[in-house]
Amino acid sequence: MQTTAQILRAVTARAAAADDESVPEIHAHVAGWPWRFEVYHPGLRKVLPAVMAFCSAVIRREQPRRWISLLGPSGVGKTHVLKQAMACLQSAAARGVWKIPTATGHRGPQMAHLIPAVDLNDYRAARDYAKYDVIYVEDIGSGAALDKGAGAVMRSRIAELLQLRSGKWTLLDANLYRREIETEIDGRIASRLKRDGSWLCEIEQEVPDFWDR
């Protein structure tokens, strides 16, 4: 089993050996972040390059602004991984490594971690969160656990938020796959998961719940 350190060395080595345009170099802050992937499900080790590339692109303010999506079974650690990515970006902002340019200089980035069933109860919330520089939407399929009426409202608000996040840095996870998102939430959202070079990582269905042992 590869450790996080081994995966990091492999990722940085590939970036260094490849053409700069095909594989952008991992940002120094991201490469130096204490990622801990081996403490989660081994099935998630393969997503580290995508997570690091996303964080590097955010810090560099690359265009177009894209999404990263971790989709698959529950209990494998998708939320833990994306929380680490948010912590890495928050650290970059606190250290002044990542700033948002303004007409008069720079400002600190606005970030938010949303749980739809809690944070989207207000019908105005989607438009408020659409303005943030980076958001992490945890479990976009959460409306499926609600009753028919409430679930439809929640799915509608999630779809509205994600449509408004088109072209903005966004992290999300779901216990659904892309095809299920297309049928259960919104086909337009499913199509955006890979648009403009966004990172889409689907964990195999065969991967068991890490904690069910």
C-alpha atoms as a PDB file:
ATOM      1  CA  MET A   1       0.000   0.000   0.000  1.00  0.00           C
ATOM      2  CA  GLN A   2       1.382   3.409  -0.950  1.00  0.00           C
ATOM      3  CA  THR A   3       1.654   6.034   1.769  1.00  0.00           C
ATOM      4  CA  THR A   4       0.660   9.655   1.232  1.00  0.00           C
ATOM      5  CA  ALA A   5       4.343  10.610   1.052  1.00  0.00           C
ATOM      6  CA  GLN A   6       4.925   8.101  -1.754  1.00  0.00           C
ATOM      7  CA  ILE A   7       1.885   9.349  -3.657  1.00  0.00           C
ATOM      8  CA  LEU A   8       3.040  12.953  -3.232  1.00  0.00           C
ATOM      9  CA  ARG A   9       6.488  12.108  -4.582  1.00  0.00           C
ATOM     10  CA  ALA A  10       4.939  10.356  -7.580  1.00  0.00           C
ATOM     11  CA  VAL A  11       2.613  13.276  -8.321  1.00  0.00           C
ATOM     12  CA  THR A  12       5.348  15.903  -8.102  1.00  0.00           C
ATOM     13  CA  ALA A  13       7.734  13.739 -10.138  1.00  0.00           C
ATOM     14  CA  ARG A  14       5.177  13.369 -12.951  1.00  0.00           C
ATOM     15  CA  ALA A  15       4.547  17.113 -12.952  1.00  0.00           C
ATOM     16  CA  ALA A  16       8.262  17.871 -13.084  1.00  0.00           C
ATOM     17  CA  ALA A  17       8.886  15.396 -15.910  1.00  0.00           C
ATOM     18  CA  ALA A  18       5.925  16.487 -18.035  1.00  0.00           C
ATOM     19  CA  ASP A  19       5.471  19.503 -20.264  1.00  0.00           C
ATOM     20  CA  ASP A  20       4.293  22.494 -18.232  1.00  0.00           C
ATOM     21  CA  GLU A  21       1.204  22.965 -20.422  1.00  0.00           C
ATOM     22  CA  SER A  22       0.034  19.350 -20.159  1.00  0.00           C
ATOM     23  CA  VAL A  23       0.607  18.821 -16.417  1.00  0.00           C
ATOM     24  CA  PRO A  24       0.819  22.091 -14.444  1.00  0.00           C
ATOM     25  CA  GLU A  25       3.238  22.017 -11.547  1.00  0.00           C
ATOM     26  CA  ILE A  26       1.735  21.507  -8.102  1.00  0.00           C
ATOM     27  CA  HIS A  27       1.848  24.752  -6.111  1.00  0.00           C
ATOM     28  CA  ALA A  28       4.474  24.743  -3.351  1.00  0.00           C
ATOM     29  CA  HIS A  29       1.893  25.416  -0.636  1.00  0.00           C
ATOM     30  CA  VAL A  30      -0.190  22.456  -1.810  1.00  0.00           C
ATOM     31  CA  ALA A  31       2.810  20.145  -2.154  1.00  0.00           C
ATOM     32  CA  GLY A  32       3.904  21.056   1.369  1.00  0.00           C
ATOM     33  CA  TRP A  33       0.484  20.587   2.956  1.00  0.00           C
ATOM     34  CA  PRO A  34       0.332  17.625   5.415  1.00  0.00           C
ATOM     35  CA  TRP A  35      -2.135  15.523   3.452  1.00  0.00           C
ATOM     36  CA  ARG A  36      -3.213  12.373   5.294  1.00  0.00           C
ATOM     37  CA  PHE A  37      -4.843  10.064   2.811  1.00  0.00           C
ATOM     38  CA  GLU A  38      -3.611   6.751   4.142  1.00  0.00           C
ATOM     39  CA  VAL A  39      -5.700   7.137   7.305  1.00  0.00           C
ATOM     40  CA  TYR A  40      -8.847   7.035   5.176  1.00  0.00           C
ATOM     41  CA  HIS A  41     -10.048   4.458   2.704  1.00  0.00           C
ATOM     42  CA  PRO A  42      -7.262   3.114   0.438  1.00  0.00           C
ATOM     43  CA  GLY A  43      -9.674   3.465  -2.469  1.00  0.00           C
ATOM     44  CA  LEU A  44      -9.276   7.244  -2.215  1.00  0.00           C
ATOM     45  CA  ARG A  45      -5.526   7.295  -2.808  1.00  0.00           C
ATOM     46  CA  LYS A  46      -6.058   7.800  -6.530  1.00  0.00           C
ATOM     47  CA  VAL A  47      -7.918  11.092  -5.989  1.00  0.00           C
ATOM     48  CA  LEU A  48      -4.938  12.883  -4.425  1.00  0.00           C
ATOM     49  CA  PRO A  49      -3.508  14.125  -7.763  1.00  0.00           C
ATOM     50  CA  ALA A  50      -6.890  15.633  -8.667  1.00  0.00           C
ATOM     51  CA  VAL A  51      -7.319  17.296  -5.261  1.00  0.00           C
ATOM     52  CA  MET A  52      -3.797  18.745  -5.391  1.00  0.00           C
ATOM     53  CA  ALA A  53      -4.290  19.987  -8.951  1.00  0.00           C
ATOM     54  CA  PHE A  54      -7.576  21.655  -7.969  1.00  0.00           C
ATOM     55  CA  CYS A  55      -6.051  23.442  -4.958  1.00  0.00           C
ATOM     56  CA  SER A  56      -3.065  24.563  -7.038  1.00  0.00           C
ATOM     57  CA  ALA A  57      -5.357  25.954  -9.741  1.00  0.00           C
ATOM     58  CA  VAL A  58      -7.408  27.877  -7.156  1.00  0.00           C
ATOM     59  CA  ILE A  59      -4.342  29.440  -5.537  1.00  0.00           C
ATOM     60  CA  ARG A  60      -2.968  30.451  -8.942  1.00  0.00           C
ATOM     61  CA  ARG A  61      -6.376  31.833  -9.975  1.00  0.00           C
ATOM     62  CA  GLU A  62      -6.257  29.817 -13.189  1.00  0.00           C
ATOM     63  CA  GLN A  63      -8.982  30.208 -15.789  1.00  0.00           C
ATOM     64  CA  PRO A  64     -11.502  28.829 -16.332  1.00  0.00           C
ATOM     65  CA  ARG A  65     -12.592  28.323 -12.737  1.00  0.00           C
ATOM     66  CA  ARG A  66     -13.678  24.711 -12.302  1.00  0.00           C
ATOM     67  CA  TRP A  67     -15.187  22.112  -9.986  1.00  0.00           C
ATOM     68  CA  ILE A  68     -13.891  19.016  -8.240  1.00  0.00           C
ATOM     69  CA  SER A  69     -16.391  16.248  -7.501  1.00  0.00           C
ATOM     70  CA  LEU A  70     -15.925  13.072  -5.450  1.00  0.00           C
ATOM     71  CA  LEU A  71     -18.756  10.639  -6.128  1.00  0.00           C
ATOM     72  CA  GLY A  72     -19.353   7.155  -4.784  1.00  0.00           C
ATOM     73  CA  PRO A  73     -20.340   4.966  -1.834  1.00  0.00           C
ATOM     74  CA  SER A  74     -20.826   6.369   1.660  1.00  0.00           C
ATOM     75  CA  GLY A  75     -18.222   5.852   4.351  1.00  0.00           C
ATOM     76  CA  VAL A  76     -15.118   5.883   2.135  1.00  0.00           C
ATOM     77  CA  GLY A  77     -13.878   9.314   3.298  1.00  0.00           C
ATOM     78  CA  LYS A  78     -14.916  11.706   0.528  1.00  0.00           C
ATOM     79  CA  THR A  79     -15.878  14.384   3.049  1.00  0.00           C
ATOM     80  CA  HIS A  80     -12.604  13.992   4.961  1.00  0.00           C
ATOM     81  CA  VAL A  81     -10.619  14.483   1.762  1.00  0.00           C
ATOM     82  CA  LEU A  82     -12.462  17.634   0.707  1.00  0.00           C
ATOM     83  CA  LYS A  83     -12.252  19.063   4.220  1.00  0.00           C
ATOM     84  CA  GLN A  84      -8.485  18.719   3.905  1.00  0.00           C
ATOM     85  CA  ALA A  85      -8.613  20.582   0.599  1.00  0.00           C
ATOM     86  CA  MET A  86     -10.614  23.396   2.213  1.00  0.00           C
ATOM     87  CA  ALA A  87      -8.136  23.549   5.112  1.00  0.00           C
ATOM     88  CA  CYS A  88      -5.255  23.766   2.628  1.00  0.00           C
ATOM     89  CA  LEU A  89      -6.923  26.679   0.823  1.00  0.00           C
ATOM     90  CA  GLN A  90      -7.817  28.431   4.088  1.00  0.00           C
ATOM     91  CA  SER A  91      -4.183  28.161   5.138  1.00  0.00           C
ATOM     92  CA  ALA A  92      -3.054  29.612   1.791  1.00  0.00           C
ATOM     93  CA  ALA A  93      -5.419  32.548   2.290  1.00  0.00           C
ATOM     94  CA  ALA A  94      -4.305  33.132   5.893  1.00  0.00           C
ATOM     95  CA  ARG A  95      -0.650  33.187   4.836  1.00  0.00           C
ATOM     96  CA  GLY A  96      -1.313  35.577   1.975  1.00  0.00           C
ATOM     97  CA  VAL A  97      -0.375  32.971  -0.627  1.00  0.00           C
ATOM     98  CA  TRP A  98      -3.841  33.168  -2.175  1.00  0.00           C
ATOM     99  CA  LYS A  99      -5.479  36.572  -2.638  1.00  0.00           C
ATOM    100  CA  ILE A 100      -8.352  37.889  -4.717  1.00  0.00           C
ATOM    101  CA  PRO A 101      -7.434  40.972  -6.796  1.00  0.00           C
ATOM    102  CA  THR A 102      -9.703  44.013  -6.571  1.00  0.00           C
ATOM    103  CA  ALA A 103      -9.801  47.434  -8.187  1.00  0.00           C
ATOM    104  CA  THR A 104      -7.848  48.863  -5.261  1.00  0.00           C
ATOM    105  CA  GLY A 105      -5.564  45.947  -4.378  1.00  0.00           C
ATOM    106  CA  HIS A 106      -6.425  42.565  -2.897  1.00  0.00           C
ATOM    107  CA  ARG A 107      -8.861  40.982  -0.473  1.00  0.00           C
ATOM    108  CA  GLY A 108      -9.110  37.711   1.365  1.00  0.00           C
ATOM    109  CA  PRO A 109     -11.114  34.925  -0.309  1.00  0.00           C
ATOM    110  CA  GLN A 110     -14.650  34.094   0.831  1.00  0.00           C
ATOM    111  CA  MET A 111     -15.112  30.382   1.511  1.00  0.00           C
ATOM    112  CA  ALA A 112     -17.982  28.275   2.834  1.00  0.00           C
ATOM    113  CA  HIS A 113     -18.685  24.634   3.654  1.00  0.00           C
ATOM    114  CA  LEU A 114     -22.370  23.862   3.134  1.00  0.00           C
ATOM    115  CA  ILE A 115     -24.572  21.003   4.234  1.00  0.00           C
ATOM    116  CA  PRO A 116     -27.636  21.475   1.989  1.00  0.00           C
ATOM    117  CA  ALA A 117     -30.229  20.113   4.443  1.00  0.00           C
ATOM    118  CA  VAL A 118     -29.088  22.769   6.954  1.00  0.00           C
ATOM    119  CA  ASP A 119     -27.727  25.673   4.924  1.00  0.00           C
ATOM    120  CA  LEU A 120     -30.219  25.805   2.044  1.00  0.00           C
ATOM    121  CA  ASN A 121     -33.429  25.897   4.085  1.00  0.00           C
ATOM    122  CA  ASP A 122     -33.807  29.586   3.262  1.00  0.00           C
ATOM    123  CA  TYR A 123     -34.823  30.046  -0.370  1.00  0.00           C
ATOM    124  CA  ARG A 124     -32.415  33.009  -0.619  1.00  0.00           C
ATOM    125  CA  ALA A 125     -29.378  30.988   0.487  1.00  0.00           C
ATOM    126  CA  ALA A 126     -28.466  29.668  -2.968  1.00  0.00           C
ATOM    127  CA  ARG A 127     -28.023  33.164  -4.369  1.00  0.00           C
ATOM    128  CA  ASP A 128     -26.047  34.262  -1.307  1.00  0.00           C
ATOM    129  CA  TYR A 129     -23.612  31.338  -1.525  1.00  0.00           C
ATOM    130  CA  ALA A 130     -23.277  31.744  -5.279  1.00  0.00           C
ATOM    131  CA  LYS A 131     -21.218  34.895  -4.599  1.00  0.00           C
ATOM    132  CA  TYR A 132     -18.472  33.120  -2.620  1.00  0.00           C
ATOM    133  CA  ASP A 133     -15.044  32.560  -4.164  1.00  0.00           C
ATOM    134  CA  VAL A 134     -14.963  28.885  -3.119  1.00  0.00           C
ATOM    135  CA  ILE A 135     -17.643  26.671  -1.634  1.00  0.00           C
ATOM    136  CA  TYR A 136     -17.745  23.032  -0.643  1.00  0.00           C
ATOM    137  CA  VAL A 137     -21.194  21.470  -0.964  1.00  0.00           C
ATOM    138  CA  GLU A 138     -21.315  18.298   1.117  1.00  0.00           C
ATOM    139  CA  ASP A 139     -23.590  15.480  -0.084  1.00  0.00           C
ATOM    140  CA  ILE A 140     -25.524  17.049  -2.936  1.00  0.00           C
ATOM    141  CA  GLY A 141     -27.807  14.012  -2.924  1.00  0.00           C
ATOM    142  CA  SER A 142     -28.990  14.664   0.632  1.00  0.00           C
ATOM    143  CA  GLY A 143     -32.530  15.505  -0.519  1.00  0.00           C
ATOM    144  CA  ALA A 144     -33.098  11.835  -1.288  1.00  0.00           C
ATOM    145  CA  ALA A 145     -33.375  11.098   2.444  1.00  0.00           C
ATOM    146  CA  LEU A 146     -36.248  13.560   2.915  1.00  0.00           C
ATOM    147  CA  ASP A 147     -39.942  12.969   2.289  1.00  0.00           C
ATOM    148  CA  LYS A 148     -41.215  13.461  -1.240  1.00  0.00           C
ATOM    149  CA  GLY A 149     -42.237  17.114  -0.905  1.00  0.00           C
ATOM    150  CA  ALA A 150     -39.273  18.308   1.161  1.00  0.00           C
ATOM    151  CA  GLY A 151     -36.889  16.263  -0.965  1.00  0.00           C
ATOM    152  CA  ALA A 152     -38.113  17.912  -4.159  1.00  0.00           C
ATOM    153  CA  VAL A 153     -37.627  21.370  -2.641  1.00  0.00           C
ATOM    154  CA  MET A 154     -34.116  20.519  -1.458  1.00  0.00           C
ATOM    155  CA  ARG A 155     -33.090  19.043  -4.819  1.00  0.00           C
ATOM    156  CA  SER A 156     -34.421  22.171  -6.512  1.00  0.00           C
ATOM    157  CA  ARG A 157     -32.346  24.431  -4.262  1.00  0.00           C
ATOM    158  CA  ILE A 158     -29.209  22.328  -4.746  1.00  0.00           C
ATOM    159  CA  ALA A 159     -29.706  22.474  -8.503  1.00  0.00           C
ATOM    160  CA  GLU A 160     -30.220  26.249  -8.357  1.00  0.00           C
ATOM    161  CA  LEU A 161     -27.044  26.724  -6.305  1.00  0.00           C
ATOM    162  CA  LEU A 162     -24.923  24.582  -8.610  1.00  0.00           C
ATOM    163  CA  GLN A 163     -26.255  26.294 -11.712  1.00  0.00           C
ATOM    164  CA  LEU A 164     -25.272  29.624 -10.169  1.00  0.00           C
ATOM    165  CA  ARG A 165     -21.818  28.175  -9.386  1.00  0.00           C
ATOM    166  CA  SER A 166     -21.049  27.527 -13.059  1.00  0.00           C
ATOM    167  CA  GLY A 167     -17.626  29.012 -13.758  1.00  0.00           C
ATOM    168  CA  LYS A 168     -16.772  29.329 -10.038  1.00  0.00           C
ATOM    169  CA  TRP A 169     -14.462  27.252  -7.857  1.00  0.00           C
ATOM    170  CA  THR A 170     -16.609  24.554  -6.267  1.00  0.00           C
ATOM    171  CA  LEU A 171     -15.976  21.326  -4.358  1.00  0.00           C
ATOM    172  CA  LEU A 172     -18.728  18.757  -3.961  1.00  0.00           C
ATOM    173  CA  ASP A 173     -19.340  15.172  -3.024  1.00  0.00           C
ATOM    174  CA  ALA A 174     -22.260  12.801  -3.268  1.00  0.00           C
ATOM    175  CA  ASN A 175     -23.259   9.228  -2.549  1.00  0.00           C
ATOM    176  CA  LEU A 176     -24.511   9.243  -6.137  1.00  0.00           C
ATOM    177  CA  TYR A 177     -22.789   8.680  -9.444  1.00  0.00           C
ATOM    178  CA  ARG A 178     -22.919  11.055 -12.388  1.00  0.00           C
ATOM    179  CA  ARG A 179     -25.745   9.150 -14.096  1.00  0.00           C
ATOM    180  CA  GLU A 180     -27.789   9.234 -10.884  1.00  0.00           C
ATOM    181  CA  ILE A 181     -27.189  12.963 -10.498  1.00  0.00           C
ATOM    182  CA  GLU A 182     -28.468  13.377 -14.050  1.00  0.00           C
ATOM    183  CA  THR A 183     -31.735  11.597 -13.278  1.00  0.00           C
ATOM    184  CA  GLU A 184     -32.299  12.525  -9.607  1.00  0.00           C
ATOM    185  CA  ILE A 185     -31.091  16.144  -9.444  1.00  0.00           C
ATOM    186  CA  ASP A 186     -30.522  17.876 -12.794  1.00  0.00           C
ATOM    187  CA  GLY A 187     -29.027  16.768 -16.086  1.00  0.00           C
ATOM    188  CA  ARG A 188     -27.379  20.157 -16.552  1.00  0.00           C
ATOM    189  CA  ILE A 189     -25.507  19.736 -13.270  1.00  0.00           C
ATOM    190  CA  ALA A 190     -24.279  16.287 -14.326  1.00  0.00           C
ATOM    191  CA  SER A 191     -22.918  17.735 -17.561  1.00  0.00           C
ATOM    192  CA  ARG A 192     -20.996  20.426 -15.690  1.00  0.00           C
ATOM    193  CA  LEU A 193     -19.124  17.921 -13.538  1.00  0.00           C
ATOM    194  CA  LYS A 194     -16.533  17.478 -16.309  1.00  0.00           C
ATOM    195  CA  ARG A 195     -16.913  20.761 -18.158  1.00  0.00           C
ATOM    196  CA  ASP A 196     -13.883  22.979 -18.876  1.00  0.00           C
ATOM    197  CA  GLY A 197     -11.490  20.423 -17.434  1.00  0.00           C
ATOM    198  CA  SER A 198     -13.222  20.042 -14.064  1.00  0.00           C
ATOM    199  CA  TRP A 199     -12.061  17.106 -11.952  1.00  0.00           C
ATOM    200  CA  LEU A 200     -14.542  14.226 -11.606  1.00  0.00           C
ATOM    201  CA  CYS A 201     -13.538  11.254  -9.418  1.00  0.00           C
ATOM    202  CA  GLU A 202     -15.958   8.338  -9.148  1.00  0.00           C
ATOM    203  CA  ILE A 203     -15.153   5.726  -6.493  1.00  0.00           C
ATOM    204  CA  GLU A 204     -15.939   2.150  -7.520  1.00  0.00           C
ATOM    205  CA  GLN A 205     -19.170   0.701  -6.159  1.00  0.00           C
ATOM    206  CA  GLU A 206     -17.278  -2.379  -4.971  1.00  0.00           C
ATOM    207  CA  VAL A 207     -15.273  -0.327  -2.468  1.00  0.00           C
ATOM    208  CA  PRO A 208     -16.724  -1.191   0.972  1.00  0.00           C
ATOM    209  CA  ASP A 209     -17.492   1.181   3.833  1.00  0.00           C
ATOM    210  CA  PHE A 210     -14.132   1.682   5.548  1.00  0.00           C
ATOM    211  CA  TRP A 211     -15.747   1.676   8.994  1.00  0.00           C
ATOM    212  CA  ASP A 212     -17.846  -1.443   8.440  1.00  0.00           C
ATOM    213  CA  ARG A 213     -15.107  -3.831   9.512  1.00  0.00           C
END
